[in-house]
């Protein structure tokens, strides 16, 4: 199974974009129209395949975070420790959105 990942466009040069996915910048080809710097997008296999609203971006990000929590629990971490660890890993992205997701991630 392949997944697209949510990111934010930070630079555009013709048909190419730099997209911030978490703390990483990736190069992607724009395959949808009307994408601007600051837009939230889905990237799959090096292609921007769709635009997202901020709420859709947050929901996609939360889904990825929940999957990472499950992965850490499978590796032996306690669920509460896994949730805190994932929150720390995604904190910069979440802070840039000015979104408080602590309650949605069941954090204290």
PDB file of N, CA and C in Angstrom:
ATOM      1  N   UNK A   1       0.842  -1.168   0.000  1.00  0.00           N
ATOM      2  CA  UNK A   1       0.000   0.000   0.000  1.00  0.00           C
ATOM      3  C   UNK A   1       0.891   1.235   0.000  1.00  0.00           C
ATOM      4  N   UNK A   2       0.507   2.222  -0.754  1.00  0.00           N
ATOM      5  CA  UNK A   2       1.236   3.485  -0.822  1.00  0.00           C
ATOM      6  C   UNK A   2       0.401   4.588  -0.193  1.00  0.00           C
ATOM      7  N   UNK A   3       1.080   5.515   0.432  1.00  0.00           N
ATOM      8  CA  UNK A   3       0.413   6.623   1.097  1.00  0.00           C
ATOM      9  C   UNK A   3       0.931   7.940   0.574  1.00  0.00           C
ATOM     10  N   UNK A   4       0.042   8.897   0.462  1.00  0.00           N
ATOM     11  CA  UNK A   4       0.458  10.268   0.248  1.00  0.00           C
ATOM     12  C   UNK A   4       0.674  10.895   1.611  1.00  0.00           C
ATOM     13  N   UNK A   5       1.567  11.858   1.680  1.00  0.00           N
ATOM     14  CA  UNK A   5       1.836  12.516   2.955  1.00  0.00           C
ATOM     15  C   UNK A   5       1.478  13.993   2.856  1.00  0.00           C
ATOM     16  N   UNK A   6       0.958  14.548   3.940  1.00  0.00           N
ATOM     17  CA  UNK A   6       0.595  15.964   3.927  1.00  0.00           C
ATOM     18  C   UNK A   6       1.817  16.846   4.126  1.00  0.00           C
ATOM     19  N   UNK A   7       1.831  17.977   3.444  1.00  0.00           N
ATOM     20  CA  UNK A   7       2.932  18.925   3.594  1.00  0.00           C
ATOM     21  C   UNK A   7       2.472  20.324   3.232  1.00  0.00           C
ATOM     22  N   UNK A   8       3.396  21.262   3.389  1.00  0.00           N
ATOM     23  CA  UNK A   8       3.109  22.667   3.093  1.00  0.00           C
ATOM     24  C   UNK A   8       4.121  23.158   2.058  1.00  0.00           C
ATOM     25  N   UNK A   9       3.623  23.780   1.011  1.00  0.00           N
ATOM     26  CA  UNK A   9       4.481  24.294  -0.054  1.00  0.00           C
ATOM     27  C   UNK A   9       5.231  25.523   0.456  1.00  0.00           C
ATOM     28  N   UNK A  10       6.563  25.486   0.328  1.00  0.00           N
ATOM     29  CA  UNK A  10       7.374  26.609   0.794  1.00  0.00           C
ATOM     30  C   UNK A  10       8.098  27.316  -0.347  1.00  0.00           C
ATOM     31  N   UNK A  11       8.144  26.680  -1.516  1.00  0.00           N
ATOM     32  CA  UNK A  11       8.811  27.299  -2.659  1.00  0.00           C
ATOM     33  C   UNK A  11       8.262  26.678  -3.940  1.00  0.00           C
ATOM     34  N   UNK A  12       8.132  27.503  -4.979  1.00  0.00           N
ATOM     35  CA  UNK A  12       7.691  27.020  -6.294  1.00  0.00           C
ATOM     36  C   UNK A  12       8.638  27.568  -7.344  1.00  0.00           C
ATOM     37  N   UNK A  13       9.056  26.685  -8.251  1.00  0.00           N
ATOM     38  CA  UNK A  13       9.911  27.070  -9.368  1.00  0.00           C
ATOM     39  C   UNK A  13       9.376  26.351 -10.601  1.00  0.00           C
ATOM     40  N   UNK A  14       8.518  27.052 -11.345  1.00  0.00           N
ATOM     41  CA  UNK A  14       7.906  26.433 -12.520  1.00  0.00           C
ATOM     42  C   UNK A  14       6.977  25.309 -12.118  1.00  0.00           C
ATOM     43  N   UNK A  15       7.290  24.111 -12.584  1.00  0.00           N
ATOM     44  CA  UNK A  15       6.436  22.969 -12.257  1.00  0.00           C
ATOM     45  C   UNK A  15       6.956  22.173 -11.060  1.00  0.00           C
ATOM     46  N   UNK A  16       7.942  22.732 -10.356  1.00  0.00           N
ATOM     47  CA  UNK A  16       8.534  22.063  -9.201  1.00  0.00           C
ATOM     48  C   UNK A  16       8.233  22.844  -7.929  1.00  0.00           C
ATOM     49  N   UNK A  17       8.119  22.103  -6.838  1.00  0.00           N
ATOM     50  CA  UNK A  17       7.865  22.727  -5.541  1.00  0.00           C
ATOM     51  C   UNK A  17       8.748  22.092  -4.485  1.00  0.00           C
ATOM     52  N   UNK A  18       9.070  22.886  -3.473  1.00  0.00           N
ATOM     53  CA  UNK A  18       9.672  22.345  -2.256  1.00  0.00           C
ATOM     54  C   UNK A  18       8.541  22.303  -1.241  1.00  0.00           C
ATOM     55  N   UNK A  19       8.363  21.143  -0.645  1.00  0.00           N
ATOM     56  CA  UNK A  19       7.266  20.924   0.287  1.00  0.00           C
ATOM     57  C   UNK A  19       7.841  20.492   1.631  1.00  0.00           C
ATOM     58  N   UNK A  20       7.416  21.182   2.687  1.00  0.00           N
ATOM     59  CA  UNK A  20       7.838  20.798   4.036  1.00  0.00           C
ATOM     60  C   UNK A  20       6.901  19.698   4.526  1.00  0.00           C
ATOM     61  N   UNK A  21       7.491  18.545   4.747  1.00  0.00           N
ATOM     62  CA  UNK A  21       6.774  17.389   5.290  1.00  0.00           C
ATOM     63  C   UNK A  21       7.422  17.087   6.633  1.00  0.00           C
ATOM     64  N   UNK A  22       6.712  17.440   7.706  1.00  0.00           N
ATOM     65  CA  UNK A  22       7.334  17.344   9.019  1.00  0.00           C
ATOM     66  C   UNK A  22       8.491  18.314   9.070  1.00  0.00           C
ATOM     67  N   UNK A  23       9.656  17.836   9.443  1.00  0.00           N
ATOM     68  CA  UNK A  23      10.833  18.681   9.494  1.00  0.00           C
ATOM     69  C   UNK A  23      11.707  18.565   8.262  1.00  0.00           C
ATOM     70  N   UNK A  24      11.210  17.932   7.216  1.00  0.00           N
ATOM     71  CA  UNK A  24      12.013  17.666   6.026  1.00  0.00           C
ATOM     72  C   UNK A  24      11.467  18.412   4.818  1.00  0.00           C
ATOM     73  N   UNK A  25      12.365  18.961   4.012  1.00  0.00           N
ATOM     74  CA  UNK A  25      11.968  19.568   2.742  1.00  0.00           C
ATOM     75  C   UNK A  25      12.138  18.528   1.646  1.00  0.00           C
ATOM     76  N   UNK A  26      11.100  18.338   0.851  1.00  0.00           N
ATOM     77  CA  UNK A  26      11.199  17.405  -0.265  1.00  0.00           C
ATOM     78  C   UNK A  26      10.886  18.137  -1.563  1.00  0.00           C
ATOM     79  N   UNK A  27      11.480  17.658  -2.630  1.00  0.00           N
ATOM     80  CA  UNK A  27      11.205  18.190  -3.954  1.00  0.00           C
ATOM     81  C   UNK A  27      10.055  17.401  -4.553  1.00  0.00           C
ATOM     82  N   UNK A  28       9.122  18.098  -5.182  1.00  0.00           N
ATOM     83  CA  UNK A  28       7.971  17.435  -5.786  1.00  0.00           C
ATOM     84  C   UNK A  28       7.578  18.150  -7.075  1.00  0.00           C
ATOM     85  N   UNK A  29       7.002  17.391  -7.962  1.00  0.00           N
ATOM     86  CA  UNK A  29       6.484  17.944  -9.214  1.00  0.00           C
ATOM     87  C   UNK A  29       5.024  18.314  -8.988  1.00  0.00           C
ATOM     88  N   UNK A  30       4.653  19.506  -9.419  1.00  0.00           N
ATOM     89  CA  UNK A  30       3.264  19.947  -9.288  1.00  0.00           C
ATOM     90  C   UNK A  30       2.423  19.270 -10.365  1.00  0.00           C
ATOM     91  N   UNK A  31       1.482  18.453  -9.951  1.00  0.00           N
ATOM     92  CA  UNK A  31       0.608  17.782 -10.918  1.00  0.00           C
ATOM     93  C   UNK A  31      -0.846  18.231 -10.764  1.00  0.00           C
ATOM     94  N   UNK A  32      -1.054  19.301  -9.997  1.00  0.00           N
ATOM     95  CA  UNK A  32      -2.383  19.908  -9.867  1.00  0.00           C
ATOM     96  C   UNK A  32      -2.244  21.410 -10.118  1.00  0.00           C
ATOM     97  N   UNK A  33      -3.333  22.019 -10.531  1.00  0.00           N
ATOM     98  CA  UNK A  33      -3.325  23.446 -10.834  1.00  0.00           C
ATOM     99  C   UNK A  33      -3.524  24.286  -9.579  1.00  0.00           C
ATOM    100  N   UNK A  34      -3.162  25.560  -9.703  1.00  0.00           N
ATOM    101  CA  UNK A  34      -3.438  26.576  -8.686  1.00  0.00           C
ATOM    102  C   UNK A  34      -2.835  26.268  -7.324  1.00  0.00           C
ATOM    103  N   UNK A  35      -1.621  25.775  -7.292  1.00  0.00           N
ATOM    104  CA  UNK A  35      -0.916  25.576  -6.034  1.00  0.00           C
ATOM    105  C   UNK A  35      -0.008  26.775  -5.818  1.00  0.00           C
ATOM    106  N   UNK A  36      -0.087  27.359  -4.634  1.00  0.00           N
ATOM    107  CA  UNK A  36       0.714  28.526  -4.289  1.00  0.00           C
ATOM    108  C   UNK A  36       1.551  28.245  -3.051  1.00  0.00           C
ATOM    109  N   UNK A  37       2.565  29.071  -2.840  1.00  0.00           N
ATOM    110  CA  UNK A  37       3.352  28.978  -1.615  1.00  0.00           C
ATOM    111  C   UNK A  37       2.406  29.168  -0.435  1.00  0.00           C
ATOM    112  N   UNK A  38       2.564  28.313   0.556  1.00  0.00           N
ATOM    113  CA  UNK A  38       1.704  28.357   1.735  1.00  0.00           C
ATOM    114  C   UNK A  38       0.545  27.384   1.689  1.00  0.00           C
ATOM    115  N   UNK A  39       0.270  26.805   0.512  1.00  0.00           N
ATOM    116  CA  UNK A  39      -0.817  25.829   0.399  1.00  0.00           C
ATOM    117  C   UNK A  39      -0.422  24.511   1.056  1.00  0.00           C
ATOM    118  N   UNK A  40      -1.427  23.831   1.573  1.00  0.00           N
ATOM    119  CA  UNK A  40      -1.251  22.482   2.100  1.00  0.00           C
ATOM    120  C   UNK A  40      -1.574  21.505   0.981  1.00  0.00           C
ATOM    121  N   UNK A  41      -0.735  20.479   0.854  1.00  0.00           N
ATOM    122  CA  UNK A  41      -0.873  19.533  -0.250  1.00  0.00           C
ATOM    123  C   UNK A  41      -0.632  18.108   0.229  1.00  0.00           C
ATOM    124  N   UNK A  42      -0.981  17.167  -0.640  1.00  0.00           N
ATOM    125  CA  UNK A  42      -0.637  15.757  -0.447  1.00  0.00           C
ATOM    126  C   UNK A  42       0.434  15.433  -1.481  1.00  0.00           C
ATOM    127  N   UNK A  43       1.526  14.804  -1.019  1.00  0.00           N
ATOM    128  CA  UNK A  43       2.611  14.406  -1.904  1.00  0.00           C
ATOM    129  C   UNK A  43       2.678  12.885  -1.924  1.00  0.00           C
ATOM    130  N   UNK A  44       2.748  12.332  -3.119  1.00  0.00           N
ATOM    131  CA  UNK A  44       2.882  10.887  -3.290  1.00  0.00           C
ATOM    132  C   UNK A  44       3.872  10.619  -4.418  1.00  0.00           C
ATOM    133  N   UNK A  45       4.889   9.829  -4.126  1.00  0.00           N
ATOM    134  CA  UNK A  45       5.876   9.411  -5.124  1.00  0.00           C
ATOM    135  C   UNK A  45       6.496  10.603  -5.857  1.00  0.00           C
ATOM    136  N   UNK A  46       6.746  11.686  -5.105  1.00  0.00           N
ATOM    137  CA  UNK A  46       7.389  12.849  -5.704  1.00  0.00           C
ATOM    138  C   UNK A  46       6.468  13.764  -6.477  1.00  0.00           C
ATOM    139  N   UNK A  47       5.165  13.528  -6.377  1.00  0.00           N
ATOM    140  CA  UNK A  47       4.179  14.366  -7.067  1.00  0.00           C
ATOM    141  C   UNK A  47       3.237  15.007  -6.057  1.00  0.00           C
ATOM    142  N   UNK A  48       2.940  16.277  -6.259  1.00  0.00           N
ATOM    143  CA  UNK A  48       1.850  16.912  -5.516  1.00  0.00           C
ATOM    144  C   UNK A  48       0.573  16.451  -6.202  1.00  0.00           C
ATOM    145  N   UNK A  49      -0.239  15.661  -5.480  1.00  0.00           N
ATOM    146  CA  UNK A  49      -1.420  15.062  -6.107  1.00  0.00           C
ATOM    147  C   UNK A  49      -2.727  15.703  -5.673  1.00  0.00           C
ATOM    148  N   UNK A  50      -2.661  16.658  -4.737  1.00  0.00           N
ATOM    149  CA  UNK A  50      -3.892  17.317  -4.322  1.00  0.00           C
ATOM    150  C   UNK A  50      -3.620  18.424  -3.328  1.00  0.00           C
ATOM    151  N   UNK A  51      -4.580  19.338  -3.235  1.00  0.00           N
ATOM    152  CA  UNK A  51      -4.529  20.423  -2.257  1.00  0.00           C
ATOM    153  C   UNK A  51      -5.430  20.062  -1.085  1.00  0.00           C
ATOM    154  N   UNK A  52      -5.077  20.589   0.086  1.00  0.00           N
ATOM    155  CA  UNK A  52      -5.845  20.360   1.303  1.00  0.00           C
ATOM    156  C   UNK A  52      -6.186  21.688   1.955  1.00  0.00           C
ATOM    157  N   UNK A  53      -7.310  21.729   2.623  1.00  0.00           N
ATOM    158  CA  UNK A  53      -7.587  22.862   3.506  1.00  0.00           C
ATOM    159  C   UNK A  53      -6.724  22.673   4.756  1.00  0.00           C
ATOM    160  N   UNK A  54      -6.623  23.707   5.569  1.00  0.00           N
ATOM    161  CA  UNK A  54      -5.848  23.563   6.804  1.00  0.00           C
ATOM    162  C   UNK A  54      -6.439  22.476   7.687  1.00  0.00           C
ATOM    163  N   UNK A  55      -7.754  22.399   7.772  1.00  0.00           N
ATOM    164  CA  UNK A  55      -8.395  21.364   8.604  1.00  0.00           C
ATOM    165  C   UNK A  55      -8.096  19.966   8.056  1.00  0.00           C
ATOM    166  N   UNK A  56      -8.135  19.796   6.747  1.00  0.00           N
ATOM    167  CA  UNK A  56      -7.805  18.496   6.153  1.00  0.00           C
ATOM    168  C   UNK A  56      -6.337  18.142   6.419  1.00  0.00           C
ATOM    169  N   UNK A  57      -5.466  19.148   6.360  1.00  0.00           N
ATOM    170  CA  UNK A  57      -4.056  18.933   6.657  1.00  0.00           C
ATOM    171  C   UNK A  57      -3.889  18.453   8.098  1.00  0.00           C
ATOM    172  N   UNK A  58      -4.536  19.137   9.034  1.00  0.00           N
ATOM    173  CA  UNK A  58      -4.439  18.768  10.446  1.00  0.00           C
ATOM    174  C   UNK A  58      -4.967  17.350  10.659  1.00  0.00           C
ATOM    175  N   UNK A  59      -6.103  17.023  10.056  1.00  0.00           N
ATOM    176  CA  UNK A  59      -6.662  15.677  10.202  1.00  0.00           C
ATOM    177  C   UNK A  59      -5.721  14.617   9.631  1.00  0.00           C
ATOM    178  N   UNK A  60      -5.102  14.881   8.488  1.00  0.00           N
ATOM    179  CA  UNK A  60      -4.136  13.951   7.900  1.00  0.00           C
ATOM    180  C   UNK A  60      -2.928  13.788   8.811  1.00  0.00           C
ATOM    181  N   UNK A  61      -2.452  14.896   9.353  1.00  0.00           N
ATOM    182  CA  UNK A  61      -1.315  14.865  10.258  1.00  0.00           C
ATOM    183  C   UNK A  61      -1.639  14.057  11.511  1.00  0.00           C
ATOM    184  N   UNK A  62      -2.823  14.263  12.059  1.00  0.00           N
ATOM    185  CA  UNK A  62      -3.229  13.511  13.248  1.00  0.00           C
ATOM    186  C   UNK A  62      -3.296  12.010  12.958  1.00  0.00           C
ATOM    187  N   UNK A  63      -3.759  11.645  11.783  1.00  0.00           N
ATOM    188  CA  UNK A  63      -3.804  10.232  11.406  1.00  0.00           C
ATOM    189  C   UNK A  63      -2.398   9.651  11.368  1.00  0.00           C
ATOM    190  N   UNK A  64      -1.469  10.368  10.760  1.00  0.00           N
ATOM    191  CA  UNK A  64      -0.080   9.901  10.724  1.00  0.00           C
ATOM    192  C   UNK A  64       0.496   9.789  12.134  1.00  0.00           C
ATOM    193  N   UNK A  65       0.156  10.745  12.991  1.00  0.00           N
ATOM    194  CA  UNK A  65       0.648  10.709  14.366  1.00  0.00           C
ATOM    195  C   UNK A  65       0.106   9.492  15.101  1.00  0.00           C
ATOM    196  N   UNK A  66      -1.166   9.197  14.919  1.00  0.00           N
ATOM    197  CA  UNK A  66      -1.763   8.023  15.568  1.00  0.00           C
ATOM    198  C   UNK A  66      -1.105   6.731  15.078  1.00  0.00           C
ATOM    199  N   UNK A  67      -0.786   6.667  13.785  1.00  0.00           N
ATOM    200  CA  UNK A  67      -0.092   5.490  13.256  1.00  0.00           C
ATOM    201  C   UNK A  67       1.294   5.349  13.874  1.00  0.00           C
ATOM    202  N   UNK A  68       1.985   6.462  14.067  1.00  0.00           N
ATOM    203  CA  UNK A  68       3.309   6.411  14.694  1.00  0.00           C
ATOM    204  C   UNK A  68       3.202   5.982  16.148  1.00  0.00           C
ATOM    205  N   UNK A  69       2.166   6.424  16.842  1.00  0.00           N
ATOM    206  CA  UNK A  69       1.949   6.005  18.227  1.00  0.00           C
ATOM    207  C   UNK A  69       1.790   4.488  18.287  1.00  0.00           C
ATOM    208  N   UNK A  70       0.967   3.942  17.407  1.00  0.00           N
ATOM    209  CA  UNK A  70       0.759   2.488  17.367  1.00  0.00           C
ATOM    210  C   UNK A  70       2.079   1.769  17.110  1.00  0.00           C
ATOM    211  N   UNK A  71       2.889   2.318  16.213  1.00  0.00           N
ATOM    212  CA  UNK A  71       4.183   1.715  15.906  1.00  0.00           C
ATOM    213  C   UNK A  71       5.085   1.683  17.141  1.00  0.00           C
ATOM    214  N   UNK A  72       5.136   2.790  17.878  1.00  0.00           N
ATOM    215  CA  UNK A  72       5.963   2.835  19.090  1.00  0.00           C
ATOM    216  C   UNK A  72       5.448   1.870  20.154  1.00  0.00           C
ATOM    217  N   UNK A  73       4.131   1.763  20.284  1.00  0.00           N
ATOM    218  CA  UNK A  73       3.568   0.817  21.253  1.00  0.00           C
ATOM    219  C   UNK A  73       3.934  -0.608  20.848  1.00  0.00           C
ATOM    220  N   UNK A  74       3.859  -0.900  19.558  1.00  0.00           N
ATOM    221  CA  UNK A  74       4.264  -2.225  19.067  1.00  0.00           C
ATOM    222  C   UNK A  74       5.734  -2.510  19.369  1.00  0.00           C
ATOM    223  N   UNK A  75       6.556  -1.450  19.424  1.00  0.00           N
ATOM    224  CA  UNK A  75       7.980  -1.606  19.726  1.00  0.00           C
ATOM    225  C   UNK A  75       8.247  -1.725  21.224  1.00  0.00           C
ATOM    226  N   UNK A  76       7.191  -1.563  22.040  1.00  0.00           N
ATOM    227  CA  UNK A  76       7.347  -1.771  23.471  1.00  0.00           C
ATOM    228  C   UNK A  76       7.169  -0.567  24.364  1.00  0.00           C
ATOM    229  N   UNK A  77       6.944   0.621  23.793  1.00  0.00           N
ATOM    230  CA  UNK A  77       6.708   1.789  24.638  1.00  0.00           C
ATOM    231  C   UNK A  77       5.307   1.735  25.240  1.00  0.00           C
ATOM    232  N   UNK A  78       5.169   2.300  26.434  1.00  0.00           N
ATOM    233  CA  UNK A  78       3.840   2.487  27.005  1.00  0.00           C
ATOM    234  C   UNK A  78       3.097   3.498  26.135  1.00  0.00           C
ATOM    235  N   UNK A  79       1.763   3.378  26.039  1.00  0.00           N
ATOM    236  CA  UNK A  79       1.006   4.265  25.164  1.00  0.00           C
ATOM    237  C   UNK A  79       1.194   5.730  25.517  1.00  0.00           C
ATOM    238  N   UNK A  80       1.179   6.064  26.805  1.00  0.00           N
ATOM    239  CA  UNK A  80       1.335   7.474  27.193  1.00  0.00           C
ATOM    240  C   UNK A  80       2.709   8.000  26.779  1.00  0.00           C
ATOM    241  N   UNK A  81       3.747   7.184  26.933  1.00  0.00           N
ATOM    242  CA  UNK A  81       5.090   7.589  26.518  1.00  0.00           C
ATOM    243  C   UNK A  81       5.165   7.745  24.993  1.00  0.00           C
ATOM    244  N   UNK A  82       4.509   6.836  24.273  1.00  0.00           N
ATOM    245  CA  UNK A  82       4.484   6.906  22.811  1.00  0.00           C
ATOM    246  C   UNK A  82       3.788   8.186  22.360  1.00  0.00           C
ATOM    247  N   UNK A  83       2.676   8.544  23.001  1.00  0.00           N
ATOM    248  CA  UNK A  83       1.947   9.760  22.641  1.00  0.00           C
ATOM    249  C   UNK A  83       2.798  11.007  22.874  1.00  0.00           C
ATOM    250  N   UNK A  84       3.484  11.069  24.005  1.00  0.00           N
ATOM    251  CA  UNK A  84       4.353  12.221  24.291  1.00  0.00           C
ATOM    252  C   UNK A  84       5.503  12.292  23.290  1.00  0.00           C
ATOM    253  N   UNK A  85       6.075  11.147  22.965  1.00  0.00           N
ATOM    254  CA  UNK A  85       7.195  11.121  22.018  1.00  0.00           C
ATOM    255  C   UNK A  85       6.770  11.632  20.638  1.00  0.00           C
ATOM    256  N   UNK A  86       5.617  11.171  20.174  1.00  0.00           N
ATOM    257  CA  UNK A  86       5.114  11.608  18.866  1.00  0.00           C
ATOM    258  C   UNK A  86       4.783  13.087  18.895  1.00  0.00           C
ATOM    259  N   UNK A  87       4.187  13.552  19.978  1.00  0.00           N
ATOM    260  CA  UNK A  87       3.880  14.969  20.095  1.00  0.00           C
ATOM    261  C   UNK A  87       5.160  15.794  19.986  1.00  0.00           C
ATOM    262  N   UNK A  88       6.219  15.379  20.665  1.00  0.00           N
ATOM    263  CA  UNK A  88       7.498  16.093  20.595  1.00  0.00           C
ATOM    264  C   UNK A  88       8.049  16.084  19.174  1.00  0.00           C
ATOM    265  N   UNK A  89       7.928  14.953  18.481  1.00  0.00           N
ATOM    266  CA  UNK A  89       8.442  14.845  17.118  1.00  0.00           C
ATOM    267  C   UNK A  89       7.707  15.774  16.147  1.00  0.00           C
ATOM    268  N   UNK A  90       6.425  16.002  16.394  1.00  0.00           N
ATOM    269  CA  UNK A  90       5.606  16.813  15.497  1.00  0.00           C
ATOM    270  C   UNK A  90       5.379  18.229  16.020  1.00  0.00           C
ATOM    271  N   UNK A  91       5.988  18.568  17.158  1.00  0.00           N
ATOM    272  CA  UNK A  91       5.701  19.843  17.821  1.00  0.00           C
ATOM    273  C   UNK A  91       5.947  21.049  16.923  1.00  0.00           C
ATOM    274  N   UNK A  92       7.048  21.070  16.184  1.00  0.00           N
ATOM    275  CA  UNK A  92       7.348  22.225  15.331  1.00  0.00           C
ATOM    276  C   UNK A  92       6.282  22.428  14.264  1.00  0.00           C
ATOM    277  N   UNK A  93       5.827  21.338  13.664  1.00  0.00           N
ATOM    278  CA  UNK A  93       4.781  21.435  12.639  1.00  0.00           C
ATOM    279  C   UNK A  93       3.496  21.946  13.269  1.00  0.00           C
ATOM    280  N   UNK A  94       3.133  21.392  14.419  1.00  0.00           N
ATOM    281  CA  UNK A  94       1.900  21.797  15.088  1.00  0.00           C
ATOM    282  C   UNK A  94       1.961  23.254  15.534  1.00  0.00           C
ATOM    283  N   UNK A  95       3.110  23.682  16.053  1.00  0.00           N
ATOM    284  CA  UNK A  95       3.253  25.076  16.483  1.00  0.00           C
ATOM    285  C   UNK A  95       3.130  26.034  15.312  1.00  0.00           C
ATOM    286  N   UNK A  96       3.632  25.634  14.151  1.00  0.00           N
ATOM    287  CA  UNK A  96       3.539  26.515  12.985  1.00  0.00           C
ATOM    288  C   UNK A  96       2.094  26.714  12.551  1.00  0.00           C
ATOM    289  N   UNK A  97       1.228  25.786  12.937  1.00  0.00           N
ATOM    290  CA  UNK A  97      -0.189  25.877  12.585  1.00  0.00           C
ATOM    291  C   UNK A  97      -1.007  26.619  13.631  1.00  0.00           C
ATOM    292  N   UNK A  98      -0.412  26.858  14.801  1.00  0.00           N
ATOM    293  CA  UNK A  98      -1.171  27.432  15.915  1.00  0.00           C
ATOM    294  C   UNK A  98      -2.384  26.582  16.255  1.00  0.00           C
ATOM    295  N   UNK A  99      -2.187  25.272  16.267  1.00  0.00           N
ATOM    296  CA  UNK A  99      -3.277  24.344  16.547  1.00  0.00           C
ATOM    297  C   UNK A  99      -2.920  23.556  17.799  1.00  0.00           C
ATOM    298  N   UNK A 100      -3.853  23.504  18.768  1.00  0.00           N
ATOM    299  CA  UNK A 100      -3.641  22.714  19.975  1.00  0.00           C
ATOM    300  C   UNK A 100      -4.312  21.355  19.770  1.00  0.00           C
ATOM    301  N   UNK A 101      -3.505  20.326  19.650  1.00  0.00           N
ATOM    302  CA  UNK A 101      -4.053  18.987  19.426  1.00  0.00           C
ATOM    303  C   UNK A 101      -3.827  18.076  20.618  1.00  0.00           C
ATOM    304  N   UNK A 102      -3.345  18.638  21.737  1.00  0.00           N
ATOM    305  CA  UNK A 102      -3.041  17.794  22.898  1.00  0.00           C
ATOM    306  C   UNK A 102      -4.258  16.978  23.326  1.00  0.00           C
ATOM    307  N   UNK A 103      -5.428  17.584  23.371  1.00  0.00           N
ATOM    308  CA  UNK A 103      -6.605  16.834  23.804  1.00  0.00           C
ATOM    309  C   UNK A 103      -7.006  15.778  22.776  1.00  0.00           C
ATOM    310  N   UNK A 104      -6.819  16.086  21.491  1.00  0.00           N
ATOM    311  CA  UNK A 104      -7.165  15.124  20.452  1.00  0.00           C
ATOM    312  C   UNK A 104      -6.212  13.937  20.433  1.00  0.00           C
ATOM    313  N   UNK A 105      -4.978  14.142  20.940  1.00  0.00           N
ATOM    314  CA  UNK A 105      -4.016  13.052  21.031  1.00  0.00           C
ATOM    315  C   UNK A 105      -4.022  12.403  22.400  1.00  0.00           C
ATOM    316  N   UNK A 106      -4.975  12.826  23.254  1.00  0.00           N
ATOM    317  CA  UNK A 106      -5.109  12.292  24.624  1.00  0.00           C
ATOM    318  C   UNK A 106      -3.848  12.488  25.428  1.00  0.00           C
ATOM    319  N   UNK A 107      -3.320  13.728  25.382  1.00  0.00           N
ATOM    320  CA  UNK A 107      -2.160  14.104  26.173  1.00  0.00           C
ATOM    321  C   UNK A 107      -2.621  14.964  27.328  1.00  0.00           C
ATOM    322  N   UNK A 108      -1.874  14.906  28.435  1.00  0.00           N
ATOM    323  CA  UNK A 108      -2.245  15.675  29.625  1.00  0.00           C
ATOM    324  C   UNK A 108      -2.075  17.147  29.489  1.00  0.00           C
TER     325      UNK A 108
END
